Amino acid sequence: MKASVKYVQDAENGLSYDKLLYKMNKLHPRLSQFDPSGKRKKIFTEHPICGTSTGNHLCCKVFRKTDIANYGVGVVLYFQFLRHLVLTFFIMSLMSVPAYIFYFSGNSSGQKLDTSNVKNLMTAFSLGNIG
C-alpha cells in the first residue's frame, strides 16, 4: 500500500503548486537524475534547447545516437527532419545573396535610390530593378 503524499494547498479551492510541479515532471519529457547530496530523491530537469543531440541520418550507428531516443522513433525523426529543413533553408538563403546583390546594383538609370520608405527599398531588391 502506497503512502499518500500530502501537498500544501496554495489556494482556497484546493490547488497545490507542488502537486502541479510533481505531475508536470512525471507526465512531460524530463531528464531525471538522483540528488547528488546522497538522498534517493529524483531531480527533474528539462531538455536543453541547443544542447540536446538529435542524431543524424547516416548509416553509422555512432552518428545516429540521440538523447531523445526513449521518446520514440517518431519524435526522433521529427526533430531530425526539422534540423535538416533549417540547415537546407539556411544554405539556400546564403546561395541567394549574390542574386540580391546583383538586383540591387542594377539601377542603370543613374538616379539615386530613395530608401526613405520600405516600398522603394523592397523594389530595389527585385528583378524589376535591372533595366
N, C-alpha and C. Protein backbone atom coordinates (compact mmCIF):
# COMPACT_ATOMS: atom_id res chain seq x y z
N MET A 1 0.83 -1.17 0.00
CA MET A 1 0.00 0.00 0.00
C MET A 1 0.88 1.24 0.00
N LYS A 2 0.60 2.16 -0.92
CA LYS A 2 1.41 3.37 -1.05
C LYS A 2 1.02 4.38 0.00
N ALA A 3 2.02 5.08 0.46
CA ALA A 3 1.75 6.17 1.40
C ALA A 3 1.35 7.39 0.59
N SER A 4 0.27 8.00 0.98
CA SER A 4 -0.20 9.17 0.24
C SER A 4 0.59 10.40 0.69
N VAL A 5 0.94 11.21 -0.29
CA VAL A 5 1.72 12.41 -0.03
C VAL A 5 0.75 13.56 0.15
N LYS A 6 0.96 14.30 1.19
CA LYS A 6 0.13 15.48 1.46
C LYS A 6 0.80 16.69 0.84
N TYR A 7 0.04 17.42 0.02
CA TYR A 7 0.54 18.62 -0.62
C TYR A 7 -0.06 19.84 0.06
N VAL A 8 0.73 20.89 0.15
CA VAL A 8 0.26 22.14 0.74
C VAL A 8 -0.68 22.80 -0.25
N GLN A 9 -1.86 23.17 0.22
CA GLN A 9 -2.84 23.82 -0.64
C GLN A 9 -2.54 25.32 -0.67
N ASP A 10 -2.31 25.83 -1.88
CA ASP A 10 -1.93 27.23 -2.04
C ASP A 10 -3.13 28.15 -2.19
N ALA A 11 -4.27 27.60 -2.53
CA ALA A 11 -5.46 28.42 -2.74
C ALA A 11 -6.62 27.82 -1.97
N GLU A 12 -7.67 28.61 -1.83
CA GLU A 12 -8.82 28.11 -1.08
C GLU A 12 -9.63 27.08 -1.85
N ASN A 13 -9.36 26.90 -3.14
CA ASN A 13 -10.10 25.91 -3.92
C ASN A 13 -9.40 24.56 -3.95
N GLY A 14 -8.33 24.38 -3.18
CA GLY A 14 -7.68 23.08 -3.06
C GLY A 14 -6.56 22.82 -4.03
N LEU A 15 -6.08 23.82 -4.78
CA LEU A 15 -5.00 23.64 -5.72
C LEU A 15 -3.65 23.72 -5.01
N SER A 16 -2.68 22.99 -5.52
CA SER A 16 -1.36 22.98 -4.93
C SER A 16 -0.31 23.12 -6.02
N TYR A 17 0.60 24.06 -5.82
CA TYR A 17 1.67 24.28 -6.79
C TYR A 17 2.67 23.12 -6.77
N ASP A 18 2.94 22.57 -5.60
CA ASP A 18 3.86 21.43 -5.50
C ASP A 18 3.30 20.21 -6.24
N LYS A 19 2.00 19.98 -6.15
CA LYS A 19 1.38 18.86 -6.85
C LYS A 19 1.42 19.07 -8.36
N LEU A 20 1.22 20.33 -8.79
CA LEU A 20 1.31 20.66 -10.21
C LEU A 20 2.71 20.36 -10.75
N LEU A 21 3.75 20.79 -10.02
CA LEU A 21 5.11 20.52 -10.46
C LEU A 21 5.40 19.02 -10.50
N TYR A 22 4.90 18.27 -9.53
CA TYR A 22 5.11 16.83 -9.50
C TYR A 22 4.45 16.17 -10.72
N LYS A 23 3.22 16.54 -11.03
CA LYS A 23 2.52 15.95 -12.18
C LYS A 23 3.20 16.33 -13.50
N MET A 24 3.65 17.59 -13.61
CA MET A 24 4.34 18.00 -14.84
C MET A 24 5.63 17.23 -15.03
N ASN A 25 6.38 17.02 -13.94
CA ASN A 25 7.63 16.29 -14.05
C ASN A 25 7.40 14.83 -14.39
N LYS A 26 6.29 14.26 -13.97
CA LYS A 26 6.00 12.86 -14.28
C LYS A 26 5.47 12.67 -15.69
N LEU A 27 4.67 13.62 -16.21
CA LEU A 27 4.00 13.45 -17.49
C LEU A 27 4.76 14.04 -18.67
N HIS A 28 5.56 15.08 -18.46
CA HIS A 28 6.26 15.74 -19.55
C HIS A 28 7.67 15.16 -19.69
N PRO A 29 8.26 15.28 -20.88
CA PRO A 29 9.62 14.74 -21.07
C PRO A 29 10.63 15.51 -20.22
N ARG A 30 11.31 14.81 -19.37
CA ARG A 30 12.30 15.41 -18.49
C ARG A 30 13.50 14.46 -18.36
N LEU A 31 14.62 15.03 -17.99
CA LEU A 31 15.80 14.25 -17.62
C LEU A 31 15.73 14.03 -16.12
N SER A 32 15.80 12.80 -15.68
CA SER A 32 15.72 12.52 -14.25
C SER A 32 17.08 12.07 -13.75
N GLN A 33 17.49 12.66 -12.65
CA GLN A 33 18.76 12.34 -12.02
C GLN A 33 18.52 12.22 -10.53
N PHE A 34 19.36 11.45 -9.87
CA PHE A 34 19.25 11.38 -8.42
C PHE A 34 19.98 12.55 -7.79
N ASP A 35 19.50 12.97 -6.66
CA ASP A 35 20.06 14.10 -5.94
C ASP A 35 21.51 13.79 -5.55
N PRO A 36 22.46 14.68 -5.90
CA PRO A 36 23.87 14.40 -5.60
C PRO A 36 24.20 14.46 -4.10
N SER A 37 23.29 14.94 -3.28
CA SER A 37 23.57 15.05 -1.85
C SER A 37 23.49 13.70 -1.14
N GLY A 38 23.13 12.65 -1.86
CA GLY A 38 23.08 11.32 -1.27
C GLY A 38 21.67 10.83 -0.99
N LYS A 39 20.69 11.71 -1.06
CA LYS A 39 19.30 11.27 -0.84
C LYS A 39 18.82 10.54 -2.08
N ARG A 40 17.85 9.71 -1.93
CA ARG A 40 17.29 8.95 -3.06
C ARG A 40 16.18 9.73 -3.76
N LYS A 41 16.25 11.04 -3.70
CA LYS A 41 15.24 11.88 -4.33
C LYS A 41 15.65 12.16 -5.78
N LYS A 42 14.69 12.12 -6.69
CA LYS A 42 14.96 12.40 -8.10
C LYS A 42 14.82 13.90 -8.36
N ILE A 43 15.71 14.40 -9.20
CA ILE A 43 15.64 15.78 -9.65
C ILE A 43 15.29 15.74 -11.13
N PHE A 44 14.26 16.47 -11.52
CA PHE A 44 13.82 16.51 -12.91
C PHE A 44 14.25 17.82 -13.54
N THR A 45 14.90 17.74 -14.70
CA THR A 45 15.30 18.94 -15.44
C THR A 45 14.80 18.79 -16.88
N GLU A 46 14.50 19.92 -17.50
CA GLU A 46 14.05 19.92 -18.88
C GLU A 46 15.23 19.68 -19.81
N HIS A 47 14.94 19.19 -21.00
CA HIS A 47 15.99 19.01 -22.01
C HIS A 47 16.45 20.39 -22.47
N PRO A 48 17.75 20.63 -22.58
CA PRO A 48 18.21 21.92 -23.09
C PRO A 48 17.86 22.07 -24.57
N ILE A 49 17.54 23.27 -24.99
CA ILE A 49 17.10 23.51 -26.36
C ILE A 49 18.24 23.30 -27.34
N CYS A 50 19.38 23.88 -27.08
CA CYS A 50 20.50 23.76 -28.02
C CYS A 50 21.48 22.64 -27.65
N GLY A 51 21.35 22.03 -26.50
CA GLY A 51 22.30 21.03 -26.08
C GLY A 51 21.85 19.60 -26.28
N THR A 52 20.63 19.39 -26.76
CA THR A 52 20.12 18.04 -26.94
C THR A 52 20.51 17.53 -28.32
N SER A 53 21.13 16.37 -28.36
CA SER A 53 21.56 15.78 -29.62
C SER A 53 20.38 15.04 -30.25
N THR A 54 20.12 15.34 -31.53
CA THR A 54 19.04 14.67 -32.25
C THR A 54 19.54 13.58 -33.16
N GLY A 55 20.86 13.42 -33.30
CA GLY A 55 21.40 12.39 -34.18
C GLY A 55 21.38 12.83 -35.63
N ASN A 56 21.88 11.97 -36.50
CA ASN A 56 21.97 12.26 -37.94
C ASN A 56 21.37 11.13 -38.74
N HIS A 57 21.04 11.42 -40.00
CA HIS A 57 20.54 10.40 -40.93
C HIS A 57 21.73 9.75 -41.64
N LEU A 58 22.54 9.02 -40.92
CA LEU A 58 23.70 8.37 -41.51
C LEU A 58 23.66 6.87 -41.22
N CYS A 59 24.44 6.12 -41.98
CA CYS A 59 24.41 4.67 -41.82
C CYS A 59 25.22 4.20 -40.62
N CYS A 60 26.15 4.99 -40.14
CA CYS A 60 26.96 4.59 -38.97
C CYS A 60 26.13 4.74 -37.69
N LYS A 61 26.16 3.73 -36.87
CA LYS A 61 25.35 3.74 -35.66
C LYS A 61 25.83 4.80 -34.66
N VAL A 62 27.10 5.12 -34.70
CA VAL A 62 27.66 6.12 -33.78
C VAL A 62 27.04 7.50 -34.03
N PHE A 63 26.82 7.85 -35.28
CA PHE A 63 26.29 9.16 -35.63
C PHE A 63 24.78 9.24 -35.44
N ARG A 64 24.09 8.11 -35.39
CA ARG A 64 22.64 8.12 -35.21
C ARG A 64 22.22 8.23 -33.76
N LYS A 65 23.16 8.18 -32.82
CA LYS A 65 22.85 8.20 -31.39
C LYS A 65 22.18 9.54 -31.04
N THR A 66 21.10 9.46 -30.27
CA THR A 66 20.34 10.64 -29.92
C THR A 66 19.98 10.63 -28.43
N ASP A 67 19.78 11.81 -27.88
CA ASP A 67 19.41 11.94 -26.47
C ASP A 67 17.92 11.71 -26.23
N ILE A 68 17.12 11.77 -27.29
CA ILE A 68 15.67 11.66 -27.12
C ILE A 68 15.13 10.35 -27.66
N ALA A 69 15.95 9.33 -27.72
CA ALA A 69 15.55 8.03 -28.29
C ALA A 69 14.47 7.35 -27.47
N ASN A 70 14.41 7.59 -26.16
CA ASN A 70 13.42 6.89 -25.33
C ASN A 70 12.01 7.47 -25.50
N TYR A 71 11.84 8.52 -26.29
CA TYR A 71 10.50 9.07 -26.55
C TYR A 71 9.87 8.50 -27.82
N GLY A 72 10.60 7.68 -28.55
CA GLY A 72 10.04 7.02 -29.71
C GLY A 72 10.70 7.45 -31.00
N VAL A 73 10.50 6.62 -32.02
CA VAL A 73 11.11 6.87 -33.32
C VAL A 73 10.49 8.10 -33.99
N GLY A 74 9.19 8.29 -33.83
CA GLY A 74 8.53 9.42 -34.47
C GLY A 74 9.05 10.75 -33.98
N VAL A 75 9.29 10.88 -32.69
CA VAL A 75 9.81 12.12 -32.12
C VAL A 75 11.23 12.38 -32.63
N VAL A 76 12.03 11.34 -32.67
CA VAL A 76 13.41 11.47 -33.15
C VAL A 76 13.42 11.89 -34.61
N LEU A 77 12.63 11.22 -35.44
CA LEU A 77 12.59 11.57 -36.87
C LEU A 77 12.05 12.96 -37.10
N TYR A 78 11.10 13.41 -36.29
CA TYR A 78 10.56 14.77 -36.43
C TYR A 78 11.65 15.80 -36.19
N PHE A 79 12.40 15.65 -35.11
CA PHE A 79 13.43 16.65 -34.80
C PHE A 79 14.61 16.56 -35.77
N GLN A 80 14.93 15.37 -36.27
CA GLN A 80 15.97 15.26 -37.29
C GLN A 80 15.54 15.94 -38.58
N PHE A 81 14.29 15.75 -38.97
CA PHE A 81 13.77 16.38 -40.18
C PHE A 81 13.70 17.89 -40.01
N LEU A 82 13.32 18.35 -38.83
CA LEU A 82 13.26 19.79 -38.57
C LEU A 82 14.65 20.42 -38.67
N ARG A 83 15.65 19.74 -38.11
CA ARG A 83 17.02 20.26 -38.20
C ARG A 83 17.50 20.24 -39.65
N HIS A 84 17.13 19.21 -40.40
CA HIS A 84 17.50 19.12 -41.81
C HIS A 84 16.88 20.28 -42.60
N LEU A 85 15.63 20.60 -42.33
CA LEU A 85 14.98 21.72 -43.02
C LEU A 85 15.64 23.05 -42.69
N VAL A 86 15.98 23.26 -41.44
CA VAL A 86 16.63 24.51 -41.03
C VAL A 86 17.95 24.67 -41.76
N LEU A 87 18.76 23.62 -41.79
CA LEU A 87 20.06 23.70 -42.47
C LEU A 87 19.89 23.91 -43.98
N THR A 88 18.91 23.23 -44.58
CA THR A 88 18.68 23.38 -46.02
C THR A 88 18.26 24.79 -46.38
N PHE A 89 17.32 25.36 -45.63
CA PHE A 89 16.87 26.71 -45.94
C PHE A 89 17.93 27.75 -45.62
N PHE A 90 18.79 27.49 -44.64
CA PHE A 90 19.89 28.42 -44.37
C PHE A 90 20.88 28.43 -45.53
N ILE A 91 21.22 27.26 -46.04
CA ILE A 91 22.14 27.18 -47.18
C ILE A 91 21.52 27.81 -48.42
N MET A 92 20.22 27.58 -48.63
CA MET A 92 19.55 28.18 -49.79
C MET A 92 19.50 29.70 -49.70
N SER A 93 19.32 30.22 -48.49
CA SER A 93 19.30 31.68 -48.35
C SER A 93 20.68 32.28 -48.56
N LEU A 94 21.74 31.57 -48.15
CA LEU A 94 23.10 32.05 -48.43
C LEU A 94 23.38 32.04 -49.93
N MET A 95 22.84 31.05 -50.64
CA MET A 95 23.07 30.98 -52.08
C MET A 95 22.31 32.06 -52.84
N SER A 96 21.27 32.63 -52.26
CA SER A 96 20.50 33.67 -52.96
C SER A 96 21.04 35.08 -52.71
N VAL A 97 22.00 35.24 -51.81
CA VAL A 97 22.56 36.57 -51.52
C VAL A 97 23.21 37.20 -52.76
N PRO A 98 24.00 36.48 -53.55
CA PRO A 98 24.57 37.12 -54.75
C PRO A 98 23.52 37.63 -55.73
N ALA A 99 22.42 36.93 -55.87
CA ALA A 99 21.36 37.40 -56.77
C ALA A 99 20.77 38.71 -56.26
N TYR A 100 20.56 38.83 -54.96
CA TYR A 100 20.03 40.08 -54.41
C TYR A 100 21.02 41.23 -54.56
N ILE A 101 22.30 40.95 -54.45
CA ILE A 101 23.31 41.99 -54.67
C ILE A 101 23.29 42.43 -56.13
N PHE A 102 23.14 41.46 -57.03
CA PHE A 102 23.04 41.80 -58.46
C PHE A 102 21.79 42.63 -58.74
N TYR A 103 20.66 42.27 -58.17
CA TYR A 103 19.43 43.03 -58.37
C TYR A 103 19.56 44.45 -57.83
N PHE A 104 20.19 44.59 -56.67
CA PHE A 104 20.31 45.90 -56.03
C PHE A 104 21.23 46.82 -56.83
N SER A 105 22.24 46.26 -57.47
CA SER A 105 23.18 47.10 -58.23
C SER A 105 22.71 47.34 -59.66
N GLY A 106 21.53 46.93 -60.03
CA GLY A 106 21.08 47.02 -61.42
C GLY A 106 20.40 48.30 -61.80
N ASN A 107 20.45 49.33 -61.01
CA ASN A 107 19.79 50.60 -61.34
C ASN A 107 20.64 51.34 -62.36
N SER A 108 20.31 51.17 -63.65
CA SER A 108 21.13 51.75 -64.71
C SER A 108 20.70 53.15 -65.09
N SER A 109 19.64 53.67 -64.52
CA SER A 109 19.16 54.99 -64.91
C SER A 109 20.00 56.10 -64.28
N GLY A 110 20.84 55.78 -63.35
CA GLY A 110 21.71 56.78 -62.75
C GLY A 110 21.05 57.57 -61.64
N GLN A 111 19.81 57.30 -61.34
CA GLN A 111 19.12 58.03 -60.27
C GLN A 111 19.53 57.44 -58.93
N LYS A 112 19.57 58.33 -57.95
CA LYS A 112 19.90 57.88 -56.60
C LYS A 112 18.71 57.12 -56.04
N LEU A 113 18.98 56.04 -55.35
CA LEU A 113 17.94 55.19 -54.78
C LEU A 113 17.32 55.85 -53.56
N ASP A 114 16.01 55.98 -53.55
CA ASP A 114 15.29 56.56 -52.42
C ASP A 114 14.90 55.44 -51.46
N THR A 115 15.60 55.38 -50.32
CA THR A 115 15.32 54.34 -49.33
C THR A 115 14.55 54.90 -48.15
N SER A 116 13.78 55.95 -48.38
CA SER A 116 13.06 56.57 -47.26
C SER A 116 11.87 55.73 -46.82
N ASN A 117 11.28 54.95 -47.72
CA ASN A 117 10.19 54.08 -47.28
C ASN A 117 10.49 52.63 -47.67
N VAL A 118 9.75 51.74 -47.08
CA VAL A 118 10.00 50.30 -47.25
C VAL A 118 9.70 49.84 -48.67
N LYS A 119 8.70 50.44 -49.31
CA LYS A 119 8.32 50.02 -50.66
C LYS A 119 9.47 50.24 -51.65
N ASN A 120 10.09 51.39 -51.59
CA ASN A 120 11.22 51.66 -52.51
C ASN A 120 12.40 50.75 -52.22
N LEU A 121 12.64 50.48 -50.97
CA LEU A 121 13.74 49.60 -50.62
C LEU A 121 13.49 48.15 -51.08
N MET A 122 12.25 47.69 -50.94
CA MET A 122 11.92 46.33 -51.37
C MET A 122 11.99 46.17 -52.89
N THR A 123 11.59 47.21 -53.62
CA THR A 123 11.66 47.12 -55.08
C THR A 123 13.11 47.17 -55.58
N ALA A 124 14.03 47.72 -54.78
CA ALA A 124 15.43 47.74 -55.18
C ALA A 124 16.04 46.35 -55.18
N PHE A 125 15.47 45.44 -54.39
CA PHE A 125 15.99 44.06 -54.32
C PHE A 125 15.20 43.10 -55.19
N SER A 126 14.42 43.59 -56.15
CA SER A 126 13.66 42.70 -57.03
C SER A 126 14.28 42.65 -58.43
N LEU A 127 13.84 41.70 -59.22
CA LEU A 127 14.37 41.52 -60.57
C LEU A 127 13.98 42.71 -61.46
N GLY A 128 12.91 43.41 -61.13
CA GLY A 128 12.48 44.55 -61.94
C GLY A 128 13.41 45.75 -61.84
N ASN A 129 14.36 45.74 -60.93
CA ASN A 129 15.29 46.87 -60.78
C ASN A 129 16.38 46.82 -61.85
N ILE A 130 16.52 45.72 -62.56
CA ILE A 130 17.55 45.63 -63.58
C ILE A 130 16.97 46.17 -64.88
N GLY A 131 17.39 47.31 -65.29
CA GLY A 131 16.90 47.80 -66.57
C GLY A 131 16.61 49.22 -66.60
